[in-house]
Amino acid sequence: MGRPFKQYLNGPRIYSCTRCRCHIADHDEIISKGFQGRHGRAYLFSTAVNITLGPKEDRYLMTGLHTVADIYCTSCNTVLGWKYEQAFEETQKYKEGKFIIEKSNVMKEGSW
């Protein structure tokens, strides 16, 4: 199959996969730190790298019905969180295209 292409981030504060340390997101891309994931606190990011998407599915979350796709680290295949594909409530539309990454699945790297 070949080796997957990895994107490396250059910012001073980077979030990496806790299992393999593959770069996932830049701190400057955080929209909110006040989200809840499946296993605890989570961050809402505007972009993420080195991820693959699972199949889309409708899920009832704390804020209503959403179409989401789980996101996986491309290097080790760990589930990191999910991507909001569609929000059915008007007040939740700002989440569409954004990524929830669980705090327990990423580690901080760089100069914090």
PDB file of N, CA and C in Angstrom:
ATOM      1  N   MET A   1       0.816  -1.186   0.000  1.00  0.00           N
ATOM      2  CA  MET A   1       0.000   0.000   0.000  1.00  0.00           C
ATOM      3  C   MET A   1       0.858   1.248   0.000  1.00  0.00           C
ATOM      4  N   GLY A   2       1.987   1.272   0.579  1.00  0.00           N
ATOM      5  CA  GLY A   2       2.813   2.465   0.596  1.00  0.00           C
ATOM      6  C   GLY A   2       2.701   3.225   1.897  1.00  0.00           C
ATOM      7  N   ARG A   3       3.562   4.168   2.052  1.00  0.00           N
ATOM      8  CA  ARG A   3       3.627   4.961   3.256  1.00  0.00           C
ATOM      9  C   ARG A   3       2.750   6.191   3.132  1.00  0.00           C
ATOM     10  N   PRO A   4       1.948   6.496   4.150  1.00  0.00           N
ATOM     11  CA  PRO A   4       1.094   7.690   4.039  1.00  0.00           C
ATOM     12  C   PRO A   4       1.927   8.970   4.139  1.00  0.00           C
ATOM     13  N   PHE A   5       1.508   9.973   3.398  1.00  0.00           N
ATOM     14  CA  PHE A   5       2.142  11.280   3.451  1.00  0.00           C
ATOM     15  C   PHE A   5       1.779  11.954   4.771  1.00  0.00           C
ATOM     16  N   LYS A   6       2.769  12.490   5.473  1.00  0.00           N
ATOM     17  CA  LYS A   6       2.512  13.213   6.721  1.00  0.00           C
ATOM     18  C   LYS A   6       2.804  14.690   6.529  1.00  0.00           C
ATOM     19  N   GLN A   7       1.922  15.504   7.065  1.00  0.00           N
ATOM     20  CA  GLN A   7       2.134  16.939   7.047  1.00  0.00           C
ATOM     21  C   GLN A   7       2.684  17.339   8.406  1.00  0.00           C
ATOM     22  N   TYR A   8       3.745  18.132   8.403  1.00  0.00           N
ATOM     23  CA  TYR A   8       4.345  18.616   9.643  1.00  0.00           C
ATOM     24  C   TYR A   8       4.000  20.091   9.817  1.00  0.00           C
ATOM     25  N   LEU A   9       3.580  20.442  11.022  1.00  0.00           N
ATOM     26  CA  LEU A   9       3.187  21.818  11.322  1.00  0.00           C
ATOM     27  C   LEU A   9       4.377  22.569  11.901  1.00  0.00           C
ATOM     28  N   ASN A  10       4.481  23.862  11.574  1.00  0.00           N
ATOM     29  CA  ASN A  10       5.634  24.658  11.972  1.00  0.00           C
ATOM     30  C   ASN A  10       5.396  25.591  13.146  1.00  0.00           C
ATOM     31  N   GLY A  11       4.176  25.684  13.628  1.00  0.00           N
ATOM     32  CA  GLY A  11       3.874  26.626  14.703  1.00  0.00           C
ATOM     33  C   GLY A  11       4.599  26.303  15.995  1.00  0.00           C
ATOM     34  N   PRO A  12       4.636  27.259  16.915  1.00  0.00           N
ATOM     35  CA  PRO A  12       5.326  27.036  18.187  1.00  0.00           C
ATOM     36  C   PRO A  12       4.548  26.130  19.144  1.00  0.00           C
ATOM     37  N   ARG A  13       3.230  26.001  18.932  1.00  0.00           N
ATOM     38  CA  ARG A  13       2.405  25.168  19.819  1.00  0.00           C
ATOM     39  C   ARG A  13       1.559  24.230  18.967  1.00  0.00           C
ATOM     40  N   ILE A  14       1.899  22.959  19.026  1.00  0.00           N
ATOM     41  CA  ILE A  14       1.297  21.934  18.174  1.00  0.00           C
ATOM     42  C   ILE A  14       0.649  20.864  19.051  1.00  0.00           C
ATOM     43  N   TYR A  15      -0.474  20.324  18.574  1.00  0.00           N
ATOM     44  CA  TYR A  15      -1.097  19.166  19.206  1.00  0.00           C
ATOM     45  C   TYR A  15      -0.770  17.944  18.360  1.00  0.00           C
ATOM     46  N   SER A  16      -0.291  16.886  19.018  1.00  0.00           N
ATOM     47  CA  SER A  16       0.099  15.650  18.346  1.00  0.00           C
ATOM     48  C   SER A  16      -0.664  14.469  18.929  1.00  0.00           C
ATOM     49  N   CYS A  17      -0.774  13.412  18.156  1.00  0.00           N
ATOM     50  CA  CYS A  17      -1.408  12.178  18.602  1.00  0.00           C
ATOM     51  C   CYS A  17      -0.621  11.621  19.795  1.00  0.00           C
ATOM     52  N   THR A  18      -1.319  11.248  20.865  1.00  0.00           N
ATOM     53  CA  THR A  18      -0.624  10.728  22.050  1.00  0.00           C
ATOM     54  C   THR A  18       0.012   9.371  21.792  1.00  0.00           C
ATOM     55  N   ARG A  19      -0.508   8.631  20.848  1.00  0.00           N
ATOM     56  CA  ARG A  19       0.011   7.286  20.607  1.00  0.00           C
ATOM     57  C   ARG A  19       1.271   7.278  19.741  1.00  0.00           C
ATOM     58  N   CYS A  20       1.303   8.117  18.682  1.00  0.00           N
ATOM     59  CA  CYS A  20       2.443   8.066  17.752  1.00  0.00           C
ATOM     60  C   CYS A  20       3.146   9.411  17.553  1.00  0.00           C
ATOM     61  N   ARG A  21       2.635  10.467  18.177  1.00  0.00           N
ATOM     62  CA  ARG A  21       3.190  11.826  18.102  1.00  0.00           C
ATOM     63  C   ARG A  21       3.113  12.455  16.712  1.00  0.00           C
ATOM     64  N   CYS A  22       2.227  11.975  15.880  1.00  0.00           N
ATOM     65  CA  CYS A  22       2.000  12.573  14.566  1.00  0.00           C
ATOM     66  C   CYS A  22       1.284  13.912  14.764  1.00  0.00           C
ATOM     67  N   HIS A  23       1.716  14.957  14.068  1.00  0.00           N
ATOM     68  CA  HIS A  23       1.083  16.267  14.192  1.00  0.00           C
ATOM     69  C   HIS A  23      -0.371  16.194  13.756  1.00  0.00           C
ATOM     70  N   ILE A  24      -1.258  16.844  14.554  1.00  0.00           N
ATOM     71  CA  ILE A  24      -2.688  16.831  14.263  1.00  0.00           C
ATOM     72  C   ILE A  24      -3.245  18.240  14.050  1.00  0.00           C
ATOM     73  N   ALA A  25      -2.860  19.188  14.902  1.00  0.00           N
ATOM     74  CA  ALA A  25      -3.443  20.532  14.785  1.00  0.00           C
ATOM     75  C   ALA A  25      -2.529  21.580  15.412  1.00  0.00           C
ATOM     76  N   ASP A  26      -2.698  22.799  14.951  1.00  0.00           N
ATOM     77  CA  ASP A  26      -1.986  23.953  15.488  1.00  0.00           C
ATOM     78  C   ASP A  26      -2.866  24.615  16.542  1.00  0.00           C
ATOM     79  N   HIS A  27      -2.258  25.065  17.616  1.00  0.00           N
ATOM     80  CA  HIS A  27      -2.993  25.714  18.707  1.00  0.00           C
ATOM     81  C   HIS A  27      -3.802  26.917  18.214  1.00  0.00           C
ATOM     82  N   ASP A  28      -3.305  27.616  17.230  1.00  0.00           N
ATOM     83  CA  ASP A  28      -3.990  28.803  16.703  1.00  0.00           C
ATOM     84  C   ASP A  28      -5.296  28.463  15.987  1.00  0.00           C
ATOM     85  N   GLU A  29      -5.546  27.195  15.711  1.00  0.00           N
ATOM     86  CA  GLU A  29      -6.763  26.768  15.025  1.00  0.00           C
ATOM     87  C   GLU A  29      -7.887  26.392  15.990  1.00  0.00           C
ATOM     88  N   ILE A  30      -7.651  26.537  17.302  1.00  0.00           N
ATOM     89  CA  ILE A  30      -8.688  26.224  18.288  1.00  0.00           C
ATOM     90  C   ILE A  30      -9.768  27.303  18.251  1.00  0.00           C
ATOM     91  N   ILE A  31     -11.009  26.850  18.146  1.00  0.00           N
ATOM     92  CA  ILE A  31     -12.161  27.749  18.215  1.00  0.00           C
ATOM     93  C   ILE A  31     -12.691  27.790  19.643  1.00  0.00           C
ATOM     94  N   SER A  32     -12.724  26.612  20.300  1.00  0.00           N
ATOM     95  CA  SER A  32     -13.233  26.540  21.674  1.00  0.00           C
ATOM     96  C   SER A  32     -12.619  25.359  22.408  1.00  0.00           C
ATOM     97  N   LYS A  33     -12.403  25.555  23.711  1.00  0.00           N
ATOM     98  CA  LYS A  33     -11.923  24.475  24.581  1.00  0.00           C
ATOM     99  C   LYS A  33     -13.037  23.935  25.460  1.00  0.00           C
ATOM    100  N   GLY A  34     -14.251  24.381  25.235  1.00  0.00           N
ATOM    101  CA  GLY A  34     -15.370  24.044  26.109  1.00  0.00           C
ATOM    102  C   GLY A  34     -16.280  22.944  25.598  1.00  0.00           C
ATOM    103  N   PHE A  35     -15.746  21.967  24.904  1.00  0.00           N
ATOM    104  CA  PHE A  35     -16.572  20.892  24.354  1.00  0.00           C
ATOM    105  C   PHE A  35     -16.378  19.602  25.124  1.00  0.00           C
ATOM    106  N   GLN A  36     -17.341  18.713  24.960  1.00  0.00           N
ATOM    107  CA  GLN A  36     -17.313  17.409  25.609  1.00  0.00           C
ATOM    108  C   GLN A  36     -17.216  16.336  24.535  1.00  0.00           C
ATOM    109  N   GLY A  37     -16.248  15.439  24.667  1.00  0.00           N
ATOM    110  CA  GLY A  37     -16.106  14.310  23.757  1.00  0.00           C
ATOM    111  C   GLY A  37     -16.717  13.066  24.370  1.00  0.00           C
ATOM    112  N   ARG A  38     -16.446  11.941  23.781  1.00  0.00           N
ATOM    113  CA  ARG A  38     -16.958  10.671  24.313  1.00  0.00           C
ATOM    114  C   ARG A  38     -16.332  10.326  25.656  1.00  0.00           C
ATOM    115  N   HIS A  39     -15.053  10.692  25.816  1.00  0.00           N
ATOM    116  CA  HIS A  39     -14.296  10.285  27.003  1.00  0.00           C
ATOM    117  C   HIS A  39     -13.775  11.471  27.815  1.00  0.00           C
ATOM    118  N   GLY A  40     -14.461  12.584  27.767  1.00  0.00           N
ATOM    119  CA  GLY A  40     -14.019  13.743  28.545  1.00  0.00           C
ATOM    120  C   GLY A  40     -13.946  15.002  27.704  1.00  0.00           C
ATOM    121  N   ARG A  41     -13.138  15.946  28.176  1.00  0.00           N
ATOM    122  CA  ARG A  41     -13.031  17.247  27.524  1.00  0.00           C
ATOM    123  C   ARG A  41     -12.492  17.140  26.110  1.00  0.00           C
ATOM    124  N   ALA A  42     -12.913  18.110  25.295  1.00  0.00           N
ATOM    125  CA  ALA A  42     -12.498  18.121  23.894  1.00  0.00           C
ATOM    126  C   ALA A  42     -12.371  19.563  23.411  1.00  0.00           C
ATOM    127  N   TYR A  43     -11.622  19.723  22.332  1.00  0.00           N
ATOM    128  CA  TYR A  43     -11.423  21.024  21.700  1.00  0.00           C
ATOM    129  C   TYR A  43     -12.115  21.041  20.343  1.00  0.00           C
ATOM    130  N   LEU A  44     -12.633  22.207  19.973  1.00  0.00           N
ATOM    131  CA  LEU A  44     -13.182  22.406  18.635  1.00  0.00           C
ATOM    132  C   LEU A  44     -12.124  23.130  17.807  1.00  0.00           C
ATOM    133  N   PHE A  45     -11.658  22.479  16.734  1.00  0.00           N
ATOM    134  CA  PHE A  45     -10.638  23.044  15.847  1.00  0.00           C
ATOM    135  C   PHE A  45     -11.255  23.385  14.503  1.00  0.00           C
ATOM    136  N   SER A  46     -10.721  24.424  13.863  1.00  0.00           N
ATOM    137  CA  SER A  46     -11.192  24.775  12.525  1.00  0.00           C
ATOM    138  C   SER A  46     -10.561  23.878  11.469  1.00  0.00           C
ATOM    139  N   THR A  47      -9.338  23.407  11.691  1.00  0.00           N
ATOM    140  CA  THR A  47      -8.667  22.507  10.750  1.00  0.00           C
ATOM    141  C   THR A  47      -7.898  21.441  11.514  1.00  0.00           C
ATOM    142  N   ALA A  48      -7.608  20.355  10.829  1.00  0.00           N
ATOM    143  CA  ALA A  48      -6.779  19.280  11.370  1.00  0.00           C
ATOM    144  C   ALA A  48      -6.038  18.638  10.204  1.00  0.00           C
ATOM    145  N   VAL A  49      -4.859  18.082  10.488  1.00  0.00           N
ATOM    146  CA  VAL A  49      -4.047  17.428   9.453  1.00  0.00           C
ATOM    147  C   VAL A  49      -3.750  15.998   9.881  1.00  0.00           C
ATOM    148  N   ASN A  50      -3.280  15.208   8.937  1.00  0.00           N
ATOM    149  CA  ASN A  50      -2.886  13.821   9.199  1.00  0.00           C
ATOM    150  C   ASN A  50      -4.014  12.994   9.806  1.00  0.00           C
ATOM    151  N   ILE A  51      -5.204  13.191   9.261  1.00  0.00           N
ATOM    152  CA  ILE A  51      -6.368  12.442   9.725  1.00  0.00           C
ATOM    153  C   ILE A  51      -7.060  11.789   8.536  1.00  0.00           C
ATOM    154  N   THR A  52      -7.803  10.743   8.809  1.00  0.00           N
ATOM    155  CA  THR A  52      -8.693  10.148   7.822  1.00  0.00           C
ATOM    156  C   THR A  52     -10.096  10.142   8.411  1.00  0.00           C
ATOM    157  N   LEU A  53     -11.070  10.191   7.547  1.00  0.00           N
ATOM    158  CA  LEU A  53     -12.468  10.229   7.973  1.00  0.00           C
ATOM    159  C   LEU A  53     -13.109   8.856   7.882  1.00  0.00           C
ATOM    160  N   GLY A  54     -13.906   8.537   8.884  1.00  0.00           N
ATOM    161  CA  GLY A  54     -14.723   7.336   8.835  1.00  0.00           C
ATOM    162  C   GLY A  54     -16.022   7.637   8.114  1.00  0.00           C
ATOM    163  N   PRO A  55     -16.934   6.678   8.097  1.00  0.00           N
ATOM    164  CA  PRO A  55     -18.226   6.905   7.429  1.00  0.00           C
ATOM    165  C   PRO A  55     -19.080   7.925   8.177  1.00  0.00           C
ATOM    166  N   LYS A  56     -19.895   8.647   7.427  1.00  0.00           N
ATOM    167  CA  LYS A  56     -20.811   9.623   8.030  1.00  0.00           C
ATOM    168  C   LYS A  56     -21.946   8.893   8.729  1.00  0.00           C
ATOM    169  N   GLU A  57     -22.372   9.434   9.861  1.00  0.00           N
ATOM    170  CA  GLU A  57     -23.518   8.872  10.576  1.00  0.00           C
ATOM    171  C   GLU A  57     -24.216   9.972  11.360  1.00  0.00           C
ATOM    172  N   ASP A  58     -25.509   9.806  11.559  1.00  0.00           N
ATOM    173  CA  ASP A  58     -26.275  10.747  12.365  1.00  0.00           C
ATOM    174  C   ASP A  58     -26.123  10.362  13.830  1.00  0.00           C
ATOM    175  N   ARG A  59     -25.809  11.367  14.673  1.00  0.00           N
ATOM    176  CA  ARG A  59     -25.647  11.137  16.105  1.00  0.00           C
ATOM    177  C   ARG A  59     -26.393  12.202  16.879  1.00  0.00           C
ATOM    178  N   TYR A  60     -27.053  11.765  17.934  1.00  0.00           N
ATOM    179  CA  TYR A  60     -27.647  12.705  18.875  1.00  0.00           C
ATOM    180  C   TYR A  60     -26.585  13.069  19.890  1.00  0.00           C
ATOM    181  N   LEU A  61     -26.140  14.309  19.849  1.00  0.00           N
ATOM    182  CA  LEU A  61     -25.134  14.822  20.778  1.00  0.00           C
ATOM    183  C   LEU A  61     -25.825  15.744  21.780  1.00  0.00           C
ATOM    184  N   MET A  62     -25.063  16.314  22.679  1.00  0.00           N
ATOM    185  CA  MET A  62     -25.641  17.179  23.710  1.00  0.00           C
ATOM    186  C   MET A  62     -26.400  18.362  23.128  1.00  0.00           C
ATOM    187  N   THR A  63     -26.000  18.796  21.934  1.00  0.00           N
ATOM    188  CA  THR A  63     -26.627  19.974  21.318  1.00  0.00           C
ATOM    189  C   THR A  63     -27.599  19.615  20.209  1.00  0.00           C
ATOM    190  N   GLY A  64     -28.001  18.356  20.115  1.00  0.00           N
ATOM    191  CA  GLY A  64     -28.990  17.959  19.124  1.00  0.00           C
ATOM    192  C   GLY A  64     -28.436  16.980  18.105  1.00  0.00           C
ATOM    193  N   LEU A  65     -29.183  16.803  17.031  1.00  0.00           N
ATOM    194  CA  LEU A  65     -28.824  15.860  15.981  1.00  0.00           C
ATOM    195  C   LEU A  65     -27.793  16.471  15.037  1.00  0.00           C
ATOM    196  N   HIS A  66     -26.740  15.710  14.749  1.00  0.00           N
ATOM    197  CA  HIS A  66     -25.679  16.131  13.834  1.00  0.00           C
ATOM    198  C   HIS A  66     -25.292  14.943  12.966  1.00  0.00           C
ATOM    199  N   THR A  67     -24.842  15.220  11.748  1.00  0.00           N
ATOM    200  CA  THR A  67     -24.190  14.210  10.926  1.00  0.00           C
ATOM    201  C   THR A  67     -22.698  14.389  11.152  1.00  0.00           C
ATOM    202  N   VAL A  68     -22.032  13.334  11.610  1.00  0.00           N
ATOM    203  CA  VAL A  68     -20.606  13.405  11.944  1.00  0.00           C
ATOM    204  C   VAL A  68     -19.873  12.236  11.311  1.00  0.00           C
ATOM    205  N   ALA A  69     -18.550  12.363  11.233  1.00  0.00           N
ATOM    206  CA  ALA A  69     -17.678  11.274  10.787  1.00  0.00           C
ATOM    207  C   ALA A  69     -16.515  11.208  11.767  1.00  0.00           C
ATOM    208  N   ASP A  70     -16.258  10.033  12.309  1.00  0.00           N
ATOM    209  CA  ASP A  70     -15.112   9.888  13.204  1.00  0.00           C
ATOM    210  C   ASP A  70     -13.837  10.220  12.450  1.00  0.00           C
ATOM    211  N   ILE A  71     -12.845  10.775  13.167  1.00  0.00           N
ATOM    212  CA  ILE A  71     -11.546  11.068  12.563  1.00  0.00           C
ATOM    213  C   ILE A  71     -10.496  10.180  13.221  1.00  0.00           C
ATOM    214  N   TYR A  72      -9.577   9.691  12.385  1.00  0.00           N
ATOM    215  CA  TYR A  72      -8.531   8.767  12.803  1.00  0.00           C
ATOM    216  C   TYR A  72      -7.164   9.342  12.456  1.00  0.00           C
ATOM    217  N   CYS A  73      -6.191   9.080  13.299  1.00  0.00           N
ATOM    218  CA  CYS A  73      -4.806   9.440  12.995  1.00  0.00           C
ATOM    219  C   CYS A  73      -4.358   8.606  11.799  1.00  0.00           C
ATOM    220  N   THR A  74      -3.772   9.233  10.789  1.00  0.00           N
ATOM    221  CA  THR A  74      -3.340   8.493   9.600  1.00  0.00           C
ATOM    222  C   THR A  74      -2.159   7.583   9.892  1.00  0.00           C
ATOM    223  N   SER A  75      -1.407   7.892  10.929  1.00  0.00           N
ATOM    224  CA  SER A  75      -0.210   7.114  11.232  1.00  0.00           C
ATOM    225  C   SER A  75      -0.514   5.846  12.028  1.00  0.00           C
ATOM    226  N   CYS A  76      -1.350   5.951  13.075  1.00  0.00           N
ATOM    227  CA  CYS A  76      -1.587   4.799  13.963  1.00  0.00           C
ATOM    228  C   CYS A  76      -3.045   4.357  14.007  1.00  0.00           C
ATOM    229  N   ASN A  77      -3.930   5.076  13.328  1.00  0.00           N
ATOM    230  CA  ASN A  77      -5.358   4.738  13.219  1.00  0.00           C
ATOM    231  C   ASN A  77      -6.139   4.883  14.533  1.00  0.00           C
ATOM    232  N   THR A  78      -5.629   5.649  15.471  1.00  0.00           N
ATOM    233  CA  THR A  78      -6.348   5.924  16.715  1.00  0.00           C
ATOM    234  C   THR A  78      -7.511   6.869  16.439  1.00  0.00           C
ATOM    235  N   VAL A  79      -8.663   6.610  17.047  1.00  0.00           N
ATOM    236  CA  VAL A  79      -9.799   7.532  16.930  1.00  0.00           C
ATOM    237  C   VAL A  79      -9.470   8.768  17.761  1.00  0.00           C
ATOM    238  N   LEU A  80      -9.471   9.931  17.121  1.00  0.00           N
ATOM    239  CA  LEU A  80      -9.124  11.186  17.790  1.00  0.00           C
ATOM    240  C   LEU A  80     -10.347  11.995  18.190  1.00  0.00           C
ATOM    241  N   GLY A  81     -11.434  11.826  17.479  1.00  0.00           N
ATOM    242  CA  GLY A  81     -12.650  12.613  17.713  1.00  0.00           C
ATOM    243  C   GLY A  81     -13.563  12.457  16.523  1.00  0.00           C
ATOM    244  N   TRP A  82     -14.166  13.572  16.081  1.00  0.00           N
ATOM    245  CA  TRP A  82     -15.056  13.514  14.925  1.00  0.00           C
ATOM    246  C   TRP A  82     -15.084  14.853  14.208  1.00  0.00           C
ATOM    247  N   LYS A  83     -15.600  14.800  12.979  1.00  0.00           N
ATOM    248  CA  LYS A  83     -15.809  16.001  12.180  1.00  0.00           C
ATOM    249  C   LYS A  83     -17.302  16.210  12.046  1.00  0.00           C
ATOM    250  N   TYR A  84     -17.734  17.451  12.261  1.00  0.00           N
ATOM    251  CA  TYR A  84     -19.135  17.804  12.043  1.00  0.00           C
ATOM    252  C   TYR A  84     -19.361  17.996  10.552  1.00  0.00           C
ATOM    253  N   GLU A  85     -20.191  17.170   9.969  1.00  0.00           N
ATOM    254  CA  GLU A  85     -20.522  17.295   8.554  1.00  0.00           C
ATOM    255  C   GLU A  85     -21.762  18.154   8.352  1.00  0.00           C
ATOM    256  N   GLN A  86     -22.776  17.953   9.210  1.00  0.00           N
ATOM    257  CA  GLN A  86     -24.015  18.718   9.085  1.00  0.00           C
ATOM    258  C   GLN A  86     -24.644  18.883  10.454  1.00  0.00           C
ATOM    259  N   ALA A  87     -25.151  20.076  10.697  1.00  0.00           N
ATOM    260  CA  ALA A  87     -25.932  20.361  11.902  1.00  0.00           C
ATOM    261  C   ALA A  87     -27.362  20.628  11.462  1.00  0.00           C
ATOM    262  N   PHE A  88     -28.310  20.048  12.171  1.00  0.00           N
ATOM    263  CA  PHE A  88     -29.710  20.186  11.775  1.00  0.00           C
ATOM    264  C   PHE A  88     -30.389  21.388  12.428  1.00  0.00           C
ATOM    265  N   GLU A  89     -29.825  21.887  13.516  1.00  0.00           N
ATOM    266  CA  GLU A  89     -30.384  23.065  14.174  1.00  0.00           C
ATOM    267  C   GLU A  89     -29.610  24.303  13.724  1.00  0.00           C
ATOM    268  N   GLU A  90     -30.334  25.356  13.456  1.00  0.00           N
ATOM    269  CA  GLU A  90     -29.736  26.587  12.933  1.00  0.00           C
ATOM    270  C   GLU A  90     -28.642  27.142  13.853  1.00  0.00           C
ATOM    271  N   THR A  91     -28.833  27.051  15.157  1.00  0.00           N
ATOM    272  CA  THR A  91     -27.862  27.598  16.104  1.00  0.00           C
ATOM    273  C   THR A  91     -26.555  26.803  16.138  1.00  0.00           C
ATOM    274  N   GLN A  92     -26.548  25.634  15.541  1.00  0.00           N
ATOM    275  CA  GLN A  92     -25.359  24.770  15.556  1.00  0.00           C
ATOM    276  C   GLN A  92     -24.622  24.726  14.214  1.00  0.00           C
ATOM    277  N   LYS A  93     -25.086  25.484  13.235  1.00  0.00           N
ATOM    278  CA  LYS A  93     -24.504  25.465  11.893  1.00  0.00           C
ATOM    279  C   LYS A  93     -23.033  25.885  11.871  1.00  0.00           C
ATOM    280  N   TYR A  94     -22.582  26.676  12.849  1.00  0.00           N
ATOM    281  CA  TYR A  94     -21.195  27.126  12.879  1.00  0.00           C
ATOM    282  C   TYR A  94     -20.207  25.969  13.044  1.00  0.00           C
ATOM    283  N   LYS A  95     -20.687  24.817  13.494  1.00  0.00           N
ATOM    284  CA  LYS A  95     -19.823  23.647  13.705  1.00  0.00           C
ATOM    285  C   LYS A  95     -19.535  22.876  12.416  1.00  0.00           C
ATOM    286  N   GLU A  96     -20.311  23.101  11.385  1.00  0.00           N
ATOM    287  CA  GLU A  96     -20.148  22.329  10.157  1.00  0.00           C
ATOM    288  C   GLU A  96     -18.749  22.503   9.576  1.00  0.00           C
ATOM    289  N   GLY A  97     -18.120  21.369   9.259  1.00  0.00           N
ATOM    290  CA  GLY A  97     -16.764  21.388   8.711  1.00  0.00           C
ATOM    291  C   GLY A  97     -15.673  21.502   9.756  1.00  0.00           C
ATOM    292  N   LYS A  98     -16.048  21.572  11.030  1.00  0.00           N
ATOM    293  CA  LYS A  98     -15.071  21.716  12.124  1.00  0.00           C
ATOM    294  C   LYS A  98     -14.789  20.352  12.761  1.00  0.00           C
ATOM    295  N   PHE A  99     -13.743  20.296  13.566  1.00  0.00           N
ATOM    296  CA  PHE A  99     -13.269  19.044  14.142  1.00  0.00           C
ATOM    297  C   PHE A  99     -13.302  19.080  15.662  1.00  0.00           C
ATOM    298  N   ILE A 100     -13.858  18.036  16.257  1.00  0.00           N
ATOM    299  CA  ILE A 100     -13.763  17.828  17.700  1.00  0.00           C
ATOM    300  C   ILE A 100     -12.612  16.856  17.925  1.00  0.00           C
ATOM    301  N   ILE A 101     -11.634  17.277  18.706  1.00  0.00           N
ATOM    302  CA  ILE A 101     -10.505  16.409  19.045  1.00  0.00           C
ATOM    303  C   ILE A 101     -10.454  16.298  20.563  1.00  0.00           C
ATOM    304  N   GLU A 102     -10.523  15.066  21.049  1.00  0.00           N
ATOM    305  CA  GLU A 102     -10.553  14.844  22.484  1.00  0.00           C
ATOM    306  C   GLU A 102      -9.187  15.100  23.105  1.00  0.00           C
ATOM    307  N   LYS A 103      -9.220  15.812  24.212  1.00  0.00           N
ATOM    308  CA  LYS A 103      -7.997  16.206  24.905  1.00  0.00           C
ATOM    309  C   LYS A 103      -7.138  14.996  25.273  1.00  0.00           C
ATOM    310  N   SER A 104      -7.775  13.882  25.628  1.00  0.00           N
ATOM    311  CA  SER A 104      -7.025  12.684  26.031  1.00  0.00           C
ATOM    312  C   SER A 104      -6.295  12.019  24.873  1.00  0.00           C
ATOM    313  N   ASN A 105      -6.625  12.392  23.641  1.00  0.00           N
ATOM    314  CA  ASN A 105      -6.010  11.766  22.468  1.00  0.00           C
ATOM    315  C   ASN A 105      -4.878  12.579  21.851  1.00  0.00           C
ATOM    316  N   VAL A 106      -4.641  13.774  22.370  1.00  0.00           N
ATOM    317  CA  VAL A 106      -3.562  14.619  21.850  1.00  0.00           C
ATOM    318  C   VAL A 106      -2.668  15.108  22.982  1.00  0.00           C
ATOM    319  N   MET A 107      -1.431  15.418  22.606  1.00  0.00           N
ATOM    320  CA  MET A 107      -0.472  15.978  23.565  1.00  0.00           C
ATOM    321  C   MET A 107       0.088  17.272  22.994  1.00  0.00           C
ATOM    322  N   LYS A 108       0.516  18.126  23.886  1.00  0.00           N
ATOM    323  CA  LYS A 108       1.082  19.414  23.474  1.00  0.00           C
ATOM    324  C   LYS A 108       2.566  19.246  23.176  1.00  0.00           C
ATOM    325  N   GLU A 109       2.993  19.868  22.077  1.00  0.00           N
ATOM    326  CA  GLU A 109       4.409  19.886  21.727  1.00  0.00           C
ATOM    327  C   GLU A 109       4.807  21.306  21.376  1.00  0.00           C
ATOM    328  N   GLY A 110       6.058  21.620  21.574  1.00  0.00           N
ATOM    329  CA  GLY A 110       6.558  22.944  21.253  1.00  0.00           C
ATOM    330  C   GLY A 110       6.775  23.776  22.497  1.00  0.00           C
ATOM    331  N   SER A 111       6.799  25.081  22.329  1.00  0.00           N
ATOM    332  CA  SER A 111       7.086  26.008  23.442  1.00  0.00           C
ATOM    333  C   SER A 111       5.788  26.525  24.053  1.00  0.00           C
ATOM    334  N   TRP A 112       5.325  25.889  25.100  1.00  0.00           N
ATOM    335  CA  TRP A 112       4.101  26.263  25.767  1.00  0.00           C
ATOM    336  C   TRP A 112       4.472  27.179  26.890  1.00  0.00           C
TER     337      TRP A 112
END
